[in-house]
Structure formats: C-alpha cells, structure tokens
Protein backbone atom coordinates (compact mmCIF):
# COMPACT_ATOMS: atom_id res chain seq x y z
CA MET A 1 15.74 37.03 21.23
CA GLU A 2 15.64 33.87 18.57
CA GLU A 3 15.07 31.04 20.90
CA GLU A 4 12.00 30.22 23.36
CA ILE A 5 12.50 27.91 26.49
CA ILE A 6 10.19 26.43 28.26
CA ARG A 7 11.57 24.84 31.62
CA GLY A 8 10.54 22.67 34.81
CA ARG A 9 6.95 22.47 35.37
CA ASP A 10 6.11 24.40 32.18
CA ALA A 11 8.13 22.00 29.96
CA GLN A 12 6.65 18.84 31.54
CA ARG A 13 2.76 21.07 31.32
CA HIS A 14 3.30 21.52 27.85
CA ILE A 15 4.07 17.75 26.98
CA VAL A 16 1.62 16.29 28.68
CA GLU A 17 -0.92 18.50 26.52
CA VAL A 18 0.76 18.18 23.28
CA ALA A 19 0.67 14.85 23.92
CA GLN A 20 -3.34 15.01 24.98
CA GLU A 21 -4.08 17.30 21.47
CA VAL A 22 -2.05 14.62 19.33
CA SER A 23 -3.92 11.47 21.15
CA SER A 24 -7.33 12.96 20.40
CA ARG A 25 -7.13 13.37 17.01
CA VAL A 26 -6.70 9.57 16.38
CA ARG A 27 -8.72 8.39 19.76
CA LYS A 28 -11.83 7.79 18.34
CA THR A 29 -10.79 6.02 15.21
CA LEU A 30 -10.42 2.95 17.48
CA GLY A 31 -12.31 -0.04 17.61
CA PRO A 32 -14.71 -1.49 15.15
CA LEU A 33 -17.28 1.55 15.19
CA GLY A 34 -14.21 4.43 15.34
CA PHE A 35 -15.15 7.23 13.51
CA ASP A 36 -13.21 8.47 10.25
CA MET A 37 -10.99 11.78 10.05
CA MET A 38 -11.02 13.94 6.81
CA LEU A 39 -7.91 15.57 6.27
CA VAL A 40 -7.39 18.22 4.15
CA ASP A 41 -3.73 19.37 2.18
CA ARG A 42 -2.99 22.43 1.08
CA MET A 43 -3.72 21.21 -2.50
CA GLY A 44 -7.25 20.98 -1.50
CA GLU A 45 -6.48 17.29 -2.00
CA HIS A 46 -9.20 15.08 0.01
CA THR A 47 -8.48 11.80 2.70
CA GLN A 48 -11.27 9.81 4.40
CA THR A 49 -9.49 7.43 6.92
CA ASN A 50 -9.84 6.28 10.75
CA ASP A 51 -6.14 4.42 10.09
CA GLY A 52 -4.22 5.84 12.91
CA ALA A 53 -1.00 5.76 10.58
CA THR A 54 -2.32 7.82 8.50
CA ILE A 55 -3.73 10.51 10.17
CA MET A 56 -0.82 10.60 12.18
CA LYS A 57 1.40 11.23 9.17
CA MET A 58 -0.45 13.68 7.11
CA GLN A 59 -0.74 16.17 9.98
CA ASP A 60 1.73 19.18 9.66
CA PHE A 61 2.37 19.29 13.34
CA ARG A 62 5.46 21.95 13.65
CA ASP A 63 5.97 21.21 18.07
CA PRO A 64 8.54 18.94 18.48
CA VAL A 65 6.96 16.99 20.51
CA ALA A 66 4.25 16.20 18.31
CA LYS A 67 6.90 14.93 16.22
CA MET A 68 8.39 12.74 18.61
CA LEU A 69 4.54 11.41 18.72
CA VAL A 70 4.97 11.02 14.84
CA GLU A 71 7.84 9.28 14.99
CA VAL A 72 6.84 6.89 17.71
CA ALA A 73 3.89 6.11 15.46
CA LYS A 74 6.33 5.82 12.79
CA ALA A 75 8.22 3.34 14.37
CA GLN A 76 5.23 1.15 15.63
CA GLU A 77 3.61 0.58 11.87
CA GLU A 78 7.37 -0.37 10.84
CA GLN A 79 7.89 -2.66 13.39
CA ALA A 80 4.20 -4.48 14.12
CA PHE A 81 2.53 -3.00 11.20
CA ASP A 82 0.20 -2.48 13.49
CA GLY A 83 -1.18 -0.51 17.04
CA THR A 84 -0.28 2.99 15.74
CA THR A 85 -3.02 4.64 17.52
CA THR A 86 -3.19 2.55 20.61
CA CYS A 87 0.56 3.13 20.71
CA VAL A 88 0.14 6.85 20.89
CA VAL A 89 -3.29 7.01 23.12
CA LEU A 90 -1.58 4.57 25.65
CA LEU A 91 1.82 7.23 25.40
CA ALA A 92 -0.63 10.11 25.99
CA GLU A 93 -2.54 8.91 28.74
CA LEU A 94 0.50 7.93 30.85
CA LEU A 95 1.80 10.98 30.61
CA ARG A 96 -2.05 12.98 32.03
CA LEU A 97 -1.05 10.75 34.58
CA ALA A 98 2.23 11.08 35.61
CA ASP A 99 1.54 14.64 35.46
CA ASN A 100 -1.53 14.35 37.95
CA HIS A 101 1.01 12.04 39.92
CA ILE A 102 3.90 14.62 40.25
CA GLU A 103 1.61 18.04 40.73
CA GLU A 104 -0.73 16.63 43.17
CA LYS A 105 1.36 14.00 45.27
CA GLY A 106 4.31 15.71 44.34
CA ILE A 107 6.53 12.23 43.14
CA HIS A 108 9.37 12.21 41.46
CA PRO A 109 9.69 11.08 37.69
CA ASN A 110 12.54 8.96 38.40
CA ASP A 111 9.72 7.72 41.06
CA ILE A 112 6.82 6.69 37.94
CA THR A 113 9.51 5.34 35.81
CA ARG A 114 9.72 2.93 38.07
CA GLY A 115 6.27 2.12 38.58
CA TYR A 116 5.68 2.16 34.84
CA ARG A 117 8.58 -0.41 34.36
CA GLU A 118 6.92 -2.76 36.77
CA GLY A 119 4.29 -2.38 35.20
CA LEU A 120 5.15 -3.06 31.93
CA ARG A 121 7.06 -6.04 33.14
CA LEU A 122 3.86 -7.63 34.82
CA ALA A 123 1.24 -7.02 31.40
CA ILE A 124 4.07 -8.64 29.18
CA GLU A 125 4.59 -10.88 31.50
CA THR A 126 0.58 -11.43 31.74
CA ALA A 127 0.22 -11.75 27.39
CA GLU A 128 2.44 -14.34 27.20
CA LYS A 129 0.46 -16.18 29.61
CA LYS A 130 -3.12 -15.39 27.89
CA ALA A 131 -1.51 -16.45 24.97
CA ILE A 132 -2.75 -18.85 22.25
CA VAL A 133 -0.53 -20.94 20.15
CA LEU A 134 -2.53 -21.49 16.51
CA GLU A 135 -1.33 -22.94 13.34
CA ARG A 136 0.05 -20.69 10.87
CA GLU A 137 -2.71 -19.73 8.42
CA GLU A 138 -5.81 -19.69 11.55
CA ALA A 139 -3.61 -17.42 12.99
CA ALA A 140 -3.37 -15.33 10.15
CA ARG A 141 -6.96 -15.27 9.06
CA ALA A 142 -7.31 -14.17 13.14
CA ALA A 143 -4.89 -11.29 12.63
CA ALA A 144 -6.08 -9.86 9.54
CA LYS A 145 -9.69 -10.11 10.67
CA THR A 146 -9.27 -8.54 13.46
CA ALA A 147 -7.17 -5.51 10.94
CA LEU A 148 -9.61 -5.07 8.27
CA THR A 149 -12.77 -4.88 10.99
CA GLY A 150 -13.86 -1.22 11.64
CA LYS A 151 -12.04 0.10 8.55
CA THR A 152 -13.68 0.64 5.10
CA ALA A 153 -12.67 -2.58 3.99
CA GLY A 154 -14.34 -4.91 6.75
CA ASP A 155 -17.31 -4.34 4.18
CA TYR A 156 -15.05 -7.18 1.91
CA ALA A 157 -13.88 -8.81 5.35
CA ASP A 158 -14.05 -12.22 3.90
CA LYS A 159 -13.32 -11.74 0.99
CA LEU A 160 -9.85 -10.23 1.93
CA ILE A 161 -9.15 -11.93 4.86
CA GLU A 162 -8.11 -14.80 2.14
CA LEU A 163 -5.97 -12.17 0.40
CA CYS A 164 -3.95 -11.25 3.42
CA ALA A 165 -4.13 -14.77 4.84
CA SER A 166 -2.54 -16.25 1.04
CA ALA A 167 -0.21 -13.27 0.56
CA ALA A 168 0.75 -13.68 4.45
CA LEU A 169 1.69 -17.51 4.10
CA SER A 170 3.80 -16.62 0.43
CA ALA A 171 5.93 -13.35 1.16
CA ARG A 172 6.90 -11.10 3.20
CA PRO A 173 5.07 -7.68 3.07
CA GLU A 174 7.25 -5.87 1.77
CA GLU A 175 7.45 -8.57 -1.56
CA ALA A 176 3.78 -7.73 -1.88
CA LYS A 177 2.67 -5.37 -4.47
CA ILE A 178 -1.49 -4.13 -4.54
CA LEU A 179 -2.61 -2.75 -7.71
CA ALA A 180 -6.12 -1.07 -7.13
CA MET A 181 -8.42 -1.53 -10.51
CA PRO A 182 -12.21 -0.42 -10.65
CA GLY A 183 -14.70 -2.97 -10.37
CA GLU A 184 -16.13 -4.87 -7.20
CA THR A 185 -14.19 -5.27 -4.78
CA ASN A 186 -15.28 -9.36 -4.34
CA LEU A 187 -13.69 -9.75 -7.69
CA SER A 188 -9.96 -9.47 -5.90
CA GLU A 189 -7.28 -11.76 -6.23
CA VAL A 190 -3.62 -12.98 -5.58
CA VAL A 191 -1.46 -13.44 -7.62
CA GLU A 192 1.82 -15.18 -6.87
CA GLY A 193 4.33 -14.12 -8.85
CA VAL A 194 4.45 -10.10 -10.70
CA VAL A 195 1.50 -8.37 -12.07
CA VAL A 196 2.56 -5.53 -15.30
CA MET A 197 0.16 -2.80 -15.81
CA LYS A 198 2.08 -3.23 -19.98
CA GLU A 199 0.44 -4.74 -22.79
CA PRO A 200 2.93 -6.33 -25.52
CA CYS A 201 4.57 -3.88 -27.94
CA LEU A 202 2.48 -5.12 -31.41
CA SER A 203 -1.07 -6.84 -30.54
CA ALA A 204 -0.02 -9.66 -33.25
CA MET A 205 2.21 -10.86 -30.18
CA PRO A 206 1.15 -14.40 -28.62
CA LYS A 207 -1.11 -13.24 -25.52
CA LYS A 208 0.76 -15.95 -23.30
CA ALA A 209 3.57 -18.21 -23.34
CA GLU A 210 5.78 -20.07 -21.18
CA GLY A 211 9.51 -21.03 -21.19
CA LYS A 212 12.64 -19.26 -21.32
CA ILE A 213 12.15 -15.31 -20.12
CA LEU A 214 14.88 -12.48 -20.54
CA VAL A 215 14.95 -9.54 -18.91
CA LEU A 216 16.95 -6.73 -20.36
CA ASP A 217 17.75 -3.19 -18.93
CA GLU A 218 19.24 -1.82 -21.98
CA ASP A 219 17.83 -0.10 -25.57
CA LEU A 220 17.31 -2.81 -27.49
CA ALA A 221 17.74 -0.31 -30.51
CA PRO A 222 20.84 1.40 -32.39
CA PRO A 223 23.22 4.52 -30.84
CA GLN A 224 21.39 7.61 -31.80
CA ALA A 225 24.10 10.11 -34.31
CA ASN A 226 23.48 13.53 -33.62
CA ILE A 227 25.28 14.89 -36.58
CA SER A 228 23.76 16.96 -39.73
CA LEU A 229 24.40 15.31 -42.90
CA SER A 230 24.02 16.38 -46.01
CA ASP A 231 25.80 14.03 -48.08
CA PRO A 232 23.79 10.63 -48.93
CA THR A 233 26.40 8.19 -49.15
CA LYS A 234 27.11 9.35 -45.45
CA ILE A 235 23.05 9.04 -44.32
CA LYS A 236 23.78 5.07 -46.02
CA GLU A 237 26.92 4.31 -44.27
CA ILE A 238 25.20 5.55 -41.17
CA ALA A 239 21.68 4.07 -41.59
CA GLU A 240 23.65 0.25 -42.18
CA VAL A 241 25.85 0.82 -39.21
CA GLN A 242 22.69 1.10 -37.35
CA GLU A 243 20.82 -2.09 -39.37
CA ASN A 244 23.42 -4.36 -38.47
CA TYR A 245 23.92 -3.62 -34.86
CA ILE A 246 20.44 -4.14 -33.87
CA GLN A 247 20.14 -7.57 -36.15
CA ASP A 248 23.27 -8.88 -34.26
CA ARG A 249 21.31 -7.70 -30.86
CA VAL A 250 18.27 -9.73 -31.97
CA ARG A 251 20.16 -12.33 -33.44
CA MET A 252 22.01 -12.46 -29.90
CA ILE A 253 18.31 -13.06 -28.51
CA LEU A 254 16.78 -16.06 -30.93
CA GLU A 255 20.21 -17.79 -30.49
CA MET A 256 19.22 -17.94 -26.60
CA ASP A 257 15.78 -19.48 -28.05
CA VAL A 258 13.84 -16.70 -25.76
CA ASN A 259 10.06 -16.49 -25.28
CA VAL A 260 9.26 -13.41 -23.90
CA VAL A 261 11.51 -10.29 -23.53
CA PHE A 262 11.01 -7.83 -21.24
CA CYS A 263 12.91 -4.87 -21.66
CA GLN A 264 12.63 -1.26 -18.87
CA LYS A 265 13.59 0.30 -22.15
CA GLN A 266 13.09 1.01 -25.64
CA ILE A 267 12.47 -1.58 -27.93
CA ASP A 268 13.33 -0.32 -31.96
CA SER A 269 10.54 -1.07 -34.58
CA ARG A 270 12.54 -3.08 -36.44
CA ALA A 271 13.04 -5.96 -33.57
CA GLN A 272 9.20 -5.67 -32.86
CA GLN A 273 8.55 -7.30 -36.02
CA VAL A 274 11.58 -9.38 -35.91
CA PHE A 275 9.49 -11.03 -32.19
CA ARG A 276 6.61 -10.97 -33.96
CA LYS A 277 7.62 -12.70 -36.63
CA GLU A 278 9.20 -15.13 -34.58
CA GLY A 279 6.83 -15.62 -31.91
CA ILE A 280 8.64 -13.54 -29.39
CA THR A 281 6.28 -11.76 -26.55
CA ALA A 282 8.15 -8.28 -26.37
CA PHE A 283 7.19 -5.96 -23.23
CA ARG A 284 9.16 -2.21 -23.40
CA GLN A 285 9.44 0.46 -20.92
CA VAL A 286 8.72 -1.59 -17.89
CA LYS A 287 9.31 0.10 -14.44
CA LYS A 288 12.37 -0.64 -12.36
CA SER A 289 10.24 -2.16 -9.98
CA ASP A 290 8.73 -4.51 -11.93
CA ILE A 291 11.49 -5.61 -13.75
CA HIS A 292 13.82 -6.79 -10.28
CA ARG A 293 10.59 -8.61 -9.00
CA ILE A 294 10.25 -10.06 -12.54
CA ALA A 295 13.72 -11.69 -12.22
CA GLU A 296 13.01 -12.54 -9.72
CA VAL A 297 10.46 -14.31 -10.23
CA THR A 298 11.71 -16.31 -12.95
CA GLY A 299 15.10 -16.80 -12.31
CA SER A 300 16.32 -13.82 -14.53
CA THR A 301 19.48 -12.28 -14.25
CA ILE A 302 19.20 -8.48 -15.29
CA VAL A 303 21.05 -8.27 -18.93
CA SER A 304 22.57 -4.42 -19.52
CA ASP A 305 24.88 -5.64 -22.14
CA LEU A 306 23.71 -8.36 -24.73
CA ALA A 307 27.52 -8.58 -26.05
CA SER A 308 27.69 -10.82 -22.58
CA ILE A 309 24.81 -12.89 -22.82
CA SER A 310 24.86 -16.43 -21.36
CA GLU A 311 22.12 -18.73 -20.80
CA GLU A 312 23.16 -18.53 -17.05
CA ASP A 313 21.23 -14.87 -17.98
CA ILE A 314 17.88 -16.86 -18.82
CA GLY A 315 14.71 -17.26 -16.36
CA LYS A 316 11.80 -19.58 -17.29
CA GLY A 317 8.52 -18.81 -16.42
CA SER A 318 4.58 -17.79 -18.08
CA ILE A 319 3.06 -14.91 -19.06
CA GLU A 320 -0.74 -14.21 -19.91
CA PHE A 321 -2.26 -11.22 -20.87
CA VAL A 322 -5.59 -9.94 -19.70
CA LYS A 323 -7.13 -7.26 -21.80
CA ALA A 324 -9.76 -4.92 -19.02
CA LYS A 325 -10.65 -2.00 -18.90
CA PRO A 326 -9.27 0.43 -17.94
CA ASN A 327 -6.10 -1.41 -17.33
CA SER A 328 -4.72 -4.24 -19.43
CA TYR A 329 -2.54 -5.80 -17.30
CA THR A 330 0.26 -8.61 -17.79
CA LYS A 331 0.56 -11.75 -14.75
CA VAL A 332 3.86 -13.55 -15.22
CA LEU A 333 4.52 -16.42 -13.01
CA GLY A 334 8.27 -18.17 -12.46
CA PRO A 335 9.63 -20.98 -10.19
CA GLU A 336 10.94 -18.62 -7.09
CA LYS A 337 8.69 -17.65 -4.72
CA GLY A 338 8.64 -14.13 -3.20
CA SER A 339 7.10 -12.05 -4.57
CA ILE A 340 3.23 -11.86 -5.21
CA SER A 341 0.90 -9.65 -6.16
CA ILE A 342 -2.60 -8.46 -4.98
CA LEU A 343 -5.06 -7.29 -7.45
CA LEU A 344 -7.57 -5.22 -5.84
CA TYR A 345 -11.05 -4.33 -7.26
CA ALA A 346 -12.53 -0.89 -5.89
CA LEU A 347 -15.61 1.23 -6.77
CA THR A 348 -13.77 4.75 -6.42
CA GLU A 349 -10.68 5.77 -5.22
CA GLN A 350 -11.44 7.20 -2.76
CA SER A 351 -12.29 3.50 -1.40
CA ALA A 352 -9.25 1.62 -3.06
CA ASN A 353 -6.95 3.84 -0.91
CA GLU A 354 -8.38 3.20 2.19
CA ILE A 355 -9.23 -0.47 1.43
CA MET A 356 -5.19 -0.21 0.17
CA ARG A 357 -4.28 1.60 3.76
CA ALA A 358 -6.00 -1.79 5.98
CA LEU A 359 -4.71 -4.32 3.36
CA ASP A 360 -0.84 -3.06 4.07
CA ASP A 361 -1.78 -3.70 7.77
CA ALA A 362 -3.41 -6.60 7.71
CA ILE A 363 -0.72 -8.70 5.67
CA GLY A 364 1.62 -6.97 8.02
CA VAL A 365 -0.22 -8.50 10.58
CA ALA A 366 -1.30 -11.57 9.24
CA TRP A 367 2.67 -12.60 8.09
CA LEU A 368 3.92 -11.20 11.63
CA VAL A 369 1.35 -14.58 13.25
CA ALA A 370 2.38 -16.57 10.22
CA THR A 371 6.22 -16.17 11.42
CA GLU A 372 5.05 -16.37 15.14
CA PRO A 373 1.70 -17.02 15.05
CA LYS A 374 1.22 -16.58 19.14
CA LEU A 375 -2.32 -13.85 20.17
CA VAL A 376 -3.79 -13.11 22.60
CA THR A 377 -7.59 -12.08 23.00
CA GLY A 378 -8.20 -8.84 21.63
CA ALA A 379 -11.71 -6.14 22.20
CA GLY A 380 -9.95 -4.04 25.03
CA THR A 381 -9.95 -7.81 26.55
CA ILE A 382 -6.03 -8.44 26.94
CA GLN A 383 -5.88 -4.93 28.43
CA ASN A 384 -8.15 -5.87 31.12
CA GLN A 385 -6.19 -9.60 32.18
CA MET A 386 -3.21 -7.55 32.34
CA ALA A 387 -4.19 -4.18 34.19
CA HIS A 388 -6.04 -6.76 36.79
CA ALA A 389 -2.48 -8.57 37.21
CA ILE A 390 -1.08 -5.76 37.55
CA LYS A 391 -3.61 -4.58 40.18
CA LYS A 392 -3.49 -8.29 42.10
CA ALA A 393 0.52 -8.26 41.82
CA PRO A 394 2.03 -8.04 45.76
CA PRO A 395 4.31 -4.79 46.26
CA THR A 396 7.97 -4.68 45.13
CA LEU A 397 8.43 -1.13 45.23
CA ASP A 398 7.88 1.66 47.47
CA ALA A 399 4.57 3.24 47.70
CA LYS A 400 5.24 6.59 45.39
CA ALA A 401 6.52 3.23 42.91
CA GLU A 402 3.69 1.45 43.46
CA ALA A 403 1.06 4.21 43.25
CA ALA A 404 2.79 4.39 39.17
CA LYS A 405 2.83 0.96 39.07
CA ILE A 406 -0.90 0.63 39.55
CA SER A 407 -1.78 4.05 36.83
CA PHE A 408 -0.12 1.83 34.47
CA ALA A 409 -3.12 -0.33 34.96
CA ASP A 410 -5.34 2.94 34.79
CA ALA A 411 -3.77 3.20 31.71
CA LEU A 412 -4.22 0.17 29.37
CA MET A 413 -7.70 0.46 30.72
CA LEU A 414 -8.17 3.75 28.64
CA ILE A 415 -8.20 1.30 25.82
CA PRO A 416 -11.69 -0.71 26.32
CA LYS A 417 -12.94 2.81 27.41
CA THR A 418 -12.37 3.82 24.00
CA LEU A 419 -14.45 0.92 22.29
CA ALA A 420 -17.20 1.04 25.01
CA GLU A 421 -16.97 5.06 23.91
CA SER A 422 -17.15 4.62 20.52
CA ALA A 423 -20.25 2.43 20.50
CA GLY A 424 -21.94 4.53 22.28
CA MET A 425 -22.05 2.38 25.75
CA ASP A 426 -22.63 4.01 29.36
CA LEU A 427 -18.96 4.84 30.45
CA MET A 428 -19.64 3.60 34.09
CA ASP A 429 -21.28 0.36 34.01
CA THR A 430 -18.95 -0.28 30.72
CA MET A 431 -16.12 0.29 33.28
CA HIS A 432 -17.69 -0.91 36.17
CA THR A 433 -18.64 -4.19 34.51
CA LEU A 434 -14.71 -4.87 33.41
CA ALA A 435 -13.78 -4.20 36.85
CA HIS A 436 -15.71 -7.52 37.86
CA ALA A 437 -15.04 -9.48 34.74
CA PRO A 438 -11.41 -10.10 34.12
CA GLU A 439 -11.29 -12.11 31.16
CA SER A 440 -14.13 -10.17 29.53
CA GLY A 441 -13.75 -7.42 26.43
CA VAL A 442 -15.94 -5.14 24.59
CA ASP A 443 -18.21 -6.16 22.06
CA ALA A 444 -18.60 -2.46 20.15
CA LEU A 445 -21.17 -4.52 17.70
CA SER A 446 -23.69 -5.42 19.87
CA GLY A 447 -22.76 -2.96 23.11
CA ALA A 448 -22.05 -5.33 25.76
CA VAL A 449 -19.49 -6.61 28.24
CA THR A 450 -18.66 -10.57 27.46
CA ASP A 451 -16.27 -12.91 26.29
CA MET A 452 -14.83 -12.04 22.97
CA THR A 453 -12.55 -14.54 22.48
CA SER A 454 -13.85 -14.82 18.54
CA VAL A 455 -11.33 -11.60 18.44
CA ARG A 456 -8.32 -12.39 18.19
CA GLU A 457 -4.63 -9.82 17.90
CA PRO A 458 -1.03 -10.88 17.26
CA LEU A 459 0.43 -11.07 20.73
CA ALA A 460 4.06 -9.29 19.06
CA VAL A 461 1.98 -5.98 18.62
CA VAL A 462 0.36 -5.35 21.58
CA THR A 463 3.86 -5.74 23.31
CA SER A 464 4.99 -3.49 21.03
CA ALA A 465 2.93 -1.00 21.25
CA MET A 466 3.08 -0.65 25.15
CA LYS A 467 7.08 -1.14 25.33
CA ALA A 468 7.23 1.95 22.77
CA ALA A 469 4.46 3.83 24.68
CA VAL A 470 6.41 3.00 27.91
CA GLU A 471 9.64 4.07 26.58
CA ASN A 472 9.11 7.80 25.25
CA CYS A 473 6.83 8.58 27.69
CA VAL A 474 10.13 8.05 29.82
CA ALA A 475 11.71 9.55 27.66
CA LEU A 476 9.30 12.64 28.23
CA LEU A 477 9.21 12.67 31.69
CA ARG A 478 13.20 13.22 31.85
CA THR A 479 12.48 16.44 29.57
CA HIS A 480 13.55 19.43 31.55
CA ALA A 481 13.66 21.64 29.29
CA ILE A 482 11.97 22.26 25.76
CA ILE A 483 14.48 24.90 23.92
CA LYS A 484 13.00 26.08 20.05
CA SER A 485 14.59 28.06 17.67
CA ARG A 486 12.35 30.24 15.90
CA SER A 487 11.47 29.07 12.55
CA PHE A 488 12.93 31.00 9.52
CA GLN A 489 9.14 31.55 8.90
CA ASP A 490 8.29 33.41 11.83
CA MET A 491 11.33 35.65 11.63
CA PHE A 492 10.53 36.41 8.07
CA ASN A 493 6.75 37.80 8.98
CA GLU A 494 8.27 39.63 10.99
CA GLU A 495 10.80 41.57 9.58
CA MET A 496 7.83 42.19 6.43
CA SER A 497 5.46 43.66 8.78
CA ARG A 498 7.97 46.12 10.47
C-alpha cells in the first residue's frame, strides 16, 4: 500500500510523542540563561541561535504533526512577534497532560477540551487584571528589554533598547529595515528615513544635497538599435537620434530644478556628466524595495515615463553620502514618516545575524506595546499568578473537566520551571516556593524566587501564546486518525533497491 494509517490511541500517542520531541528542541533556549542551538544545513552552512522561531523554521520536519507545530510557531511570530518558544512548549505540555488523563483516568478528549477552555478563560481574565498600563515610550523600552534578555544582543542591551524604542515609536515593524555592517555594536543608530547602500554615479557629484528629489523607474539612456550597419551615414543618423533622445530626457529633468535623482535602472554616461555639471546628485541601479521606500519618505511619485512628468511627481528631502569601510551608504531623509532604517554594527557576521533576529522580535513587541501599552510581570510570574487563580477558582464544571482545568494550570507552571532549570536551580525547592508565593517569579540571574516586577512583557504576547496553544491542542486531541501517503523519495528508493 502507498499509505500509512495510524488510528485511535496510537494516533494520540504519536501526536504526543512528536510534540514532545519538537518541544525538546526549543525548550532549553527559554529564558535569560537559555542555551543556544547550532543548526547545520545540507550545504554545511551553520547557524547558532537561541531564537525559537528560527530553530523551528530551519528544522526539516517530515511528520505532519511536527509541521503543524512549526506553523503554530510561525503564526505566533507573525501575530505577536515573540513567544514562539513559550507557545510550542505549552502546547506540547498540554498534549502530554491530556494523554495522561486519557490513558490513566479514561477522560474523553471532549471533557479535556472543556477544561482547557475554562482554564484559558480564567488565565486571560487573571492576566488582564494583573496587567499595568505604562506610558508608550516606557512600555516600549520595558518590552524590548525583556525580548533582548538572554540573547547575543543582550550584551549591548542598553544601546539596542534605545534603538528598538525609537524604531517602534516611529514606524511599524515591517517598515523598519536593518542593515548590518562591521563595527562596534554600540555605534549602531536609527535613521528616520531610508539608508541606501549606494554612492553617487560620479565622485564629483555633491555628497550632500537638499531640495527636490526625482524617483525614476526607467532607463535614463537612449534605446539601443539591435542592427548591423556598414554605412557610416546610417551609423551617424542613429547616433544623432540617441543623442537627441538623451538630451530631451535630461532637459525635462533640468526644467524641474531637481537636486537629486534616484534611478532603479541605468543612467547614461552623458546624462551623468550633465548632472555633475549642474550640481545634481544621481544614483543608478537602486533596488526596487529602496525605490519604493524613498518615494514614500520624500513624497515622490515613481516616474516610469519622463515624457509625462509633472511637478506633482517631484518629492522633497535631503541626502547625505557617508563613505565608510567596507560599505559606503547614503542617508535619505524626507518630510513623510513611516519608514526607518537601523544601521546595526557587529564584529562578526554570525553575531550580526543573531542580533538582527533579536532586534526583529524586540522591535515587534516594542511596537505592540507602544500601540497597546499593557504589560504583565515576566520571568514566569504571570504564569504563576494565572496558575494560582485557576486552582483557587470555584468549580463550575463536572469532575473530569475540572481535572483538565487544573492540568492547564500545571502546564502553565512549566514556564517558570524551565527558567529555573536553565539557571541550574533546584527544581523541587523552586516549585515549592512558587506554590506558596503566587506573586513571585524566577530570577534566573541570581538563582532565586523573588519579586520580578522589573521584568515586563506584553500582555498580547502572553495571551496570544496561550490561545494558540489551546486551540491547536484541541485540534490535535480531536484527531482520530493520521493517514500519511508515502513520499515519492521513499517509493523511488524502494524501487531502486529491487
């Protein structure tokens, strides 16, 4: 047969086993003292990171359950920018505890679902009660600090927190572009505009300019005649047509009193010389993504045909060329907001990549709380608070669903337990202390259970991770059978072995 079918309890056990395996790959990375993982792809390229989302993406999972967990992690990152590891670990733990109820107590998955949903409701209700509202900038700093803690970027936390807060208050995460360059990380900066890895066409062009900016999406060069001629007269005629064409195009630009030209395609050498003489700074072969960002910042319209150009197409702004080793670049500033660039300096390519991953998360959560500045206490505190609230809540369900509700509280405590485990703390003492101190969290750096109000994380990240974990746990608990078609590779290998 060309299908593999797993049914009933075997399917449930398979789901739990795969979930536990996937969870084990990211669980150790959780917390300020979480470990890194080295990933080596098929080409021998390696990545060392403790970013859960990156680890999940780079795994070559073939099992459908594992792939589903990867999709859960991706969805969590897209929605809340952080909390992917927490989401996956919590999902796997909920499945494990549910399997125990099914195996040992004969509780039906539907009863477990009702208990988990009630536990989720109480947890979210508690989290919202415990949340505090801070001023936007303060909230952005607090969220960025927590997101950067425990990562390579944490070594430069003070500088990077400032970058993240500034970026989050200026633009949406997708409008922030990070450019990595060799150098000291503490020299990194935020540019409220566009940074283009380009230098002017000619070195004699002005390095600084301010005024009108033209953004082009056409070749500023004459059309090429793809013919073979031996008659000198015909050759001269074609050369004259080309010369007149480029002169007309350049004249149109000069009539607009343009100070800077950004062209996505080529700029003819004759046009470059005219621009140089007129004091116009021109850039050629600019990336399409940069062209659109420049147009947005300067208020320009991207011109695809100079013959129809008008004054309304011209934007305003300033440029400054910065000569640096090994990469020179140009800053483009304009009156319009919504696009920023982060110049990230790092000593090695590996550290640059890891800091960029951390910054992506940190900028995202900083923007999240800048938009809705509600935060809860981190370091496992909010999970401890929610677990206590669930266990103290009066019973509202039948015995089986109540047992599942209590298991949801137990699953939440896996987060502080993991933080303590990564810090090398005694787990029995830690969990005992947390059980009697509902407002405390795990200080991994000092190895103690204490008040952790100095650590804040976005309420949206916490609630999103729990919701995703419960909804996907319910979906997997309702799975009665797994039908897997054999891959073409397996069929091919079997055929070849005959």
